[in-house]
């Protein structure tokens, strides 16, 4: 798979892959603007990690 060179496409891909929140109770992925979890309705959400880990 080749890297994305177009900055507009790169921004769109980053938004869809990394701009999410994760529920600390059940681990479900939620939209960035979510106030509570879609699965367990818990309010303890965190941002998804955005750095590459090796």
PDB file of N, CA and C in Angstrom:
ATOM      1  N   UNK A   1       0.838  -1.176   0.000  1.00  0.00           N
ATOM      2  CA  UNK A   1       0.000   0.000   0.000  1.00  0.00           C
ATOM      3  C   UNK A   1       0.889   1.248   0.000  1.00  0.00           C
ATOM      4  N   UNK A   2       0.648   2.154  -0.902  1.00  0.00           N
ATOM      5  CA  UNK A   2       1.473   3.350  -0.997  1.00  0.00           C
ATOM      6  C   UNK A   2       0.913   4.462  -0.104  1.00  0.00           C
ATOM      7  N   UNK A   3       1.795   5.339   0.386  1.00  0.00           N
ATOM      8  CA  UNK A   3       1.316   6.444   1.215  1.00  0.00           C
ATOM      9  C   UNK A   3       0.500   7.441   0.393  1.00  0.00           C
ATOM     10  N   UNK A   4      -0.360   8.147   1.056  1.00  0.00           N
ATOM     11  CA  UNK A   4      -1.207   9.136   0.392  1.00  0.00           C
ATOM     12  C   UNK A   4      -0.419  10.434   0.273  1.00  0.00           C
ATOM     13  N   UNK A   5      -0.274  10.949  -0.951  1.00  0.00           N
ATOM     14  CA  UNK A   5       0.500  12.165  -1.187  1.00  0.00           C
ATOM     15  C   UNK A   5      -0.366  13.421  -1.177  1.00  0.00           C
ATOM     16  N   UNK A   6      -1.608  13.307  -1.570  1.00  0.00           N
ATOM     17  CA  UNK A   6      -2.502  14.462  -1.646  1.00  0.00           C
ATOM     18  C   UNK A   6      -2.891  14.905  -0.230  1.00  0.00           C
ATOM     19  N   UNK A   7      -2.615  16.160   0.153  1.00  0.00           N
ATOM     20  CA  UNK A   7      -2.919  16.606   1.526  1.00  0.00           C
ATOM     21  C   UNK A   7      -4.415  16.619   1.854  1.00  0.00           C
ATOM     22  N   UNK A   8      -5.256  16.850   0.874  1.00  0.00           N
ATOM     23  CA  UNK A   8      -6.703  16.846   1.128  1.00  0.00           C
ATOM     24  C   UNK A   8      -7.178  15.433   1.449  1.00  0.00           C
ATOM     25  N   UNK A   9      -6.730  14.474   0.652  1.00  0.00           N
ATOM     26  CA  UNK A   9      -7.101  13.080   0.906  1.00  0.00           C
ATOM     27  C   UNK A   9      -6.516  12.586   2.221  1.00  0.00           C
ATOM     28  N   UNK A  10      -5.296  13.044   2.549  1.00  0.00           N
ATOM     29  CA  UNK A  10      -4.672  12.662   3.815  1.00  0.00           C
ATOM     30  C   UNK A  10      -5.489  13.165   5.005  1.00  0.00           C
ATOM     31  N   UNK A  11      -5.991  14.403   4.918  1.00  0.00           N
ATOM     32  CA  UNK A  11      -6.806  14.973   5.993  1.00  0.00           C
ATOM     33  C   UNK A  11      -8.122  14.217   6.145  1.00  0.00           C
ATOM     34  N   UNK A  12      -8.741  13.849   5.027  1.00  0.00           N
ATOM     35  CA  UNK A  12      -9.990  13.085   5.065  1.00  0.00           C
ATOM     36  C   UNK A  12      -9.756  11.715   5.691  1.00  0.00           C
ATOM     37  N   UNK A  13      -8.668  11.044   5.295  1.00  0.00           N
ATOM     38  CA  UNK A  13      -8.361   9.719   5.848  1.00  0.00           C
ATOM     39  C   UNK A  13      -8.075   9.810   7.339  1.00  0.00           C
ATOM     40  N   UNK A  14      -7.321  10.823   7.758  1.00  0.00           N
ATOM     41  CA  UNK A  14      -7.021  11.005   9.186  1.00  0.00           C
ATOM     42  C   UNK A  14      -8.297  11.214   9.982  1.00  0.00           C
ATOM     43  N   UNK A  15      -9.204  12.015   9.449  1.00  0.00           N
ATOM     44  CA  UNK A  15     -10.458  12.277  10.153  1.00  0.00           C
ATOM     45  C   UNK A  15     -11.251  10.987  10.361  1.00  0.00           C
ATOM     46  N   UNK A  16     -11.366  10.174   9.318  1.00  0.00           N
ATOM     47  CA  UNK A  16     -12.188   8.967   9.416  1.00  0.00           C
ATOM     48  C   UNK A  16     -11.527   7.855  10.216  1.00  0.00           C
ATOM     49  N   UNK A  17     -10.207   7.832  10.280  1.00  0.00           N
ATOM     50  CA  UNK A  17      -9.510   6.766  11.003  1.00  0.00           C
ATOM     51  C   UNK A  17      -9.204   7.132  12.454  1.00  0.00           C
ATOM     52  N   UNK A  18      -8.866   8.385  12.726  1.00  0.00           N
ATOM     53  CA  UNK A  18      -8.324   8.738  14.038  1.00  0.00           C
ATOM     54  C   UNK A  18      -9.194   9.664  14.869  1.00  0.00           C
ATOM     55  N   UNK A  19     -10.089  10.408  14.265  1.00  0.00           N
ATOM     56  CA  UNK A  19     -10.891  11.378  15.014  1.00  0.00           C
ATOM     57  C   UNK A  19     -12.107  10.692  15.616  1.00  0.00           C
ATOM     58  N   UNK A  20     -11.899   9.925  16.669  1.00  0.00           N
ATOM     59  CA  UNK A  20     -12.976   9.190  17.322  1.00  0.00           C
ATOM     60  C   UNK A  20     -12.766   9.225  18.818  1.00  0.00           C
ATOM     61  N   UNK A  21     -13.811   8.897  19.558  1.00  0.00           N
ATOM     62  CA  UNK A  21     -13.679   8.715  20.996  1.00  0.00           C
ATOM     63  C   UNK A  21     -13.908   7.247  21.316  1.00  0.00           C
ATOM     64  N   UNK A  22     -13.303   6.797  22.418  1.00  0.00           N
ATOM     65  CA  UNK A  22     -13.382   5.408  22.835  1.00  0.00           C
ATOM     66  C   UNK A  22     -13.985   5.373  24.234  1.00  0.00           C
ATOM     67  N   UNK A  23     -14.938   4.484  24.440  1.00  0.00           N
ATOM     68  CA  UNK A  23     -15.562   4.332  25.748  1.00  0.00           C
ATOM     69  C   UNK A  23     -14.609   3.592  26.668  1.00  0.00           C
ATOM     70  N   UNK A  24     -14.456   4.089  27.880  1.00  0.00           N
ATOM     71  CA  UNK A  24     -13.561   3.431  28.829  1.00  0.00           C
ATOM     72  C   UNK A  24     -14.222   2.241  29.505  1.00  0.00           C
ATOM     73  N   UNK A  25     -15.523   2.122  29.425  1.00  0.00           N
ATOM     74  CA  UNK A  25     -16.211   0.975  30.036  1.00  0.00           C
ATOM     75  C   UNK A  25     -16.255  -0.228  29.110  1.00  0.00           C
ATOM     76  N   UNK A  26     -16.665  -0.011  27.850  1.00  0.00           N
ATOM     77  CA  UNK A  26     -16.856  -1.162  26.952  1.00  0.00           C
ATOM     78  C   UNK A  26     -15.924  -1.162  25.748  1.00  0.00           C
ATOM     79  N   UNK A  27     -15.203  -0.062  25.484  1.00  0.00           N
ATOM     80  CA  UNK A  27     -14.254  -0.027  24.387  1.00  0.00           C
ATOM     81  C   UNK A  27     -14.842   0.292  23.030  1.00  0.00           C
ATOM     82  N   UNK A  28     -16.093   0.683  22.961  1.00  0.00           N
ATOM     83  CA  UNK A  28     -16.729   0.977  21.680  1.00  0.00           C
ATOM     84  C   UNK A  28     -16.212   2.292  21.105  1.00  0.00           C
ATOM     85  N   UNK A  29     -16.120   2.350  19.765  1.00  0.00           N
ATOM     86  CA  UNK A  29     -15.751   3.586  19.082  1.00  0.00           C
ATOM     87  C   UNK A  29     -16.998   4.438  18.896  1.00  0.00           C
ATOM     88  N   UNK A  30     -16.847   5.730  19.153  1.00  0.00           N
ATOM     89  CA  UNK A  30     -17.951   6.674  19.064  1.00  0.00           C
ATOM     90  C   UNK A  30     -17.515   7.881  18.248  1.00  0.00           C
ATOM     91  N   UNK A  31     -18.460   8.668  17.743  1.00  0.00           N
ATOM     92  CA  UNK A  31     -18.098   9.900  17.045  1.00  0.00           C
ATOM     93  C   UNK A  31     -17.380  10.872  17.983  1.00  0.00           C
ATOM     94  N   UNK A  32     -16.648  11.812  17.392  1.00  0.00           N
ATOM     95  CA  UNK A  32     -15.865  12.756  18.178  1.00  0.00           C
ATOM     96  C   UNK A  32     -16.741  13.630  19.072  1.00  0.00           C
ATOM     97  N   UNK A  33     -17.932  13.988  18.607  1.00  0.00           N
ATOM     98  CA  UNK A  33     -18.798  14.887  19.374  1.00  0.00           C
ATOM     99  C   UNK A  33     -19.742  14.160  20.323  1.00  0.00           C
ATOM    100  N   UNK A  34     -19.567  12.865  20.496  1.00  0.00           N
ATOM    101  CA  UNK A  34     -20.472  12.083  21.344  1.00  0.00           C
ATOM    102  C   UNK A  34     -20.349  12.506  22.805  1.00  0.00           C
ATOM    103  N   UNK A  35     -21.470  12.566  23.497  1.00  0.00           N
ATOM    104  CA  UNK A  35     -21.495  12.874  24.925  1.00  0.00           C
ATOM    105  C   UNK A  35     -21.545  11.609  25.761  1.00  0.00           C
ATOM    106  N   UNK A  36     -22.118  10.543  25.174  1.00  0.00           N
ATOM    107  CA  UNK A  36     -22.179   9.259  25.871  1.00  0.00           C
ATOM    108  C   UNK A  36     -22.012   8.135  24.860  1.00  0.00           C
ATOM    109  N   UNK A  37     -21.693   6.956  25.361  1.00  0.00           N
ATOM    110  CA  UNK A  37     -21.390   5.803  24.517  1.00  0.00           C
ATOM    111  C   UNK A  37     -22.636   5.313  23.800  1.00  0.00           C
ATOM    112  N   UNK A  38     -22.452   4.894  22.561  1.00  0.00           N
ATOM    113  CA  UNK A  38     -23.585   4.392  21.777  1.00  0.00           C
ATOM    114  C   UNK A  38     -23.985   3.005  22.222  1.00  0.00           C
ATOM    115  N   UNK A  39     -23.074   2.238  22.824  1.00  0.00           N
ATOM    116  CA  UNK A  39     -23.358   0.858  23.196  1.00  0.00           C
ATOM    117  C   UNK A  39     -23.836   0.723  24.654  1.00  0.00           C
ATOM    118  N   UNK A  40     -23.062   1.274  25.608  1.00  0.00           N
ATOM    119  CA  UNK A  40     -23.399   1.069  27.024  1.00  0.00           C
ATOM    120  C   UNK A  40     -23.950   2.332  27.682  1.00  0.00           C
ATOM    121  N   UNK A  41     -23.989   3.442  26.954  1.00  0.00           N
ATOM    122  CA  UNK A  41     -24.520   4.726  27.429  1.00  0.00           C
ATOM    123  C   UNK A  41     -23.713   5.310  28.575  1.00  0.00           C
ATOM    124  N   UNK A  42     -22.460   4.868  28.746  1.00  0.00           N
ATOM    125  CA  UNK A  42     -21.577   5.448  29.759  1.00  0.00           C
ATOM    126  C   UNK A  42     -21.068   6.802  29.295  1.00  0.00           C
ATOM    127  N   UNK A  43     -20.709   7.658  30.228  1.00  0.00           N
ATOM    128  CA  UNK A  43     -20.254   9.002  29.887  1.00  0.00           C
ATOM    129  C   UNK A  43     -18.745   9.166  29.986  1.00  0.00           C
ATOM    130  N   UNK A  44     -18.018   8.091  30.289  1.00  0.00           N
ATOM    131  CA  UNK A  44     -16.570   8.162  30.446  1.00  0.00           C
ATOM    132  C   UNK A  44     -15.899   7.841  29.108  1.00  0.00           C
ATOM    133  N   UNK A  45     -15.695   8.875  28.266  1.00  0.00           N
ATOM    134  CA  UNK A  45     -15.107   8.713  26.946  1.00  0.00           C
ATOM    135  C   UNK A  45     -13.722   9.352  26.913  1.00  0.00           C
ATOM    136  N   UNK A  46     -12.841   8.800  26.073  1.00  0.00           N
ATOM    137  CA  UNK A  46     -11.519   9.372  25.862  1.00  0.00           C
ATOM    138  C   UNK A  46     -11.278   9.459  24.363  1.00  0.00           C
ATOM    139  N   UNK A  47     -10.317  10.296  23.966  1.00  0.00           N
ATOM    140  CA  UNK A  47      -9.953  10.390  22.561  1.00  0.00           C
ATOM    141  C   UNK A  47      -9.137   9.174  22.166  1.00  0.00           C
ATOM    142  N   UNK A  48      -9.290   8.753  20.927  1.00  0.00           N
ATOM    143  CA  UNK A  48      -8.490   7.650  20.402  1.00  0.00           C
ATOM    144  C   UNK A  48      -7.042   8.120  20.275  1.00  0.00           C
ATOM    145  N   UNK A  49      -6.088   7.235  20.561  1.00  0.00           N
ATOM    146  CA  UNK A  49      -4.675   7.578  20.458  1.00  0.00           C
ATOM    147  C   UNK A  49      -4.350   7.899  19.001  1.00  0.00           C
ATOM    148  N   UNK A  50      -3.582   8.962  18.793  1.00  0.00           N
ATOM    149  CA  UNK A  50      -3.297   9.432  17.434  1.00  0.00           C
ATOM    150  C   UNK A  50      -1.850   9.271  17.034  1.00  0.00           C
ATOM    151  N   UNK A  51      -1.021   8.664  17.872  1.00  0.00           N
ATOM    152  CA  UNK A  51       0.370   8.440  17.526  1.00  0.00           C
ATOM    153  C   UNK A  51       0.582   6.988  17.113  1.00  0.00           C
ATOM    154  N   UNK A  52       1.508   6.780  16.209  1.00  0.00           N
ATOM    155  CA  UNK A  52       1.853   5.429  15.818  1.00  0.00           C
ATOM    156  C   UNK A  52       2.705   4.809  16.915  1.00  0.00           C
ATOM    157  N   UNK A  53       2.363   3.590  17.304  1.00  0.00           N
ATOM    158  CA  UNK A  53       3.167   2.885  18.299  1.00  0.00           C
ATOM    159  C   UNK A  53       3.889   1.749  17.607  1.00  0.00           C
ATOM    160  N   UNK A  54       5.115   1.484  18.023  1.00  0.00           N
ATOM    161  CA  UNK A  54       5.892   0.414  17.395  1.00  0.00           C
ATOM    162  C   UNK A  54       6.015  -0.763  18.318  1.00  0.00           C
TER     163      UNK A  54
END
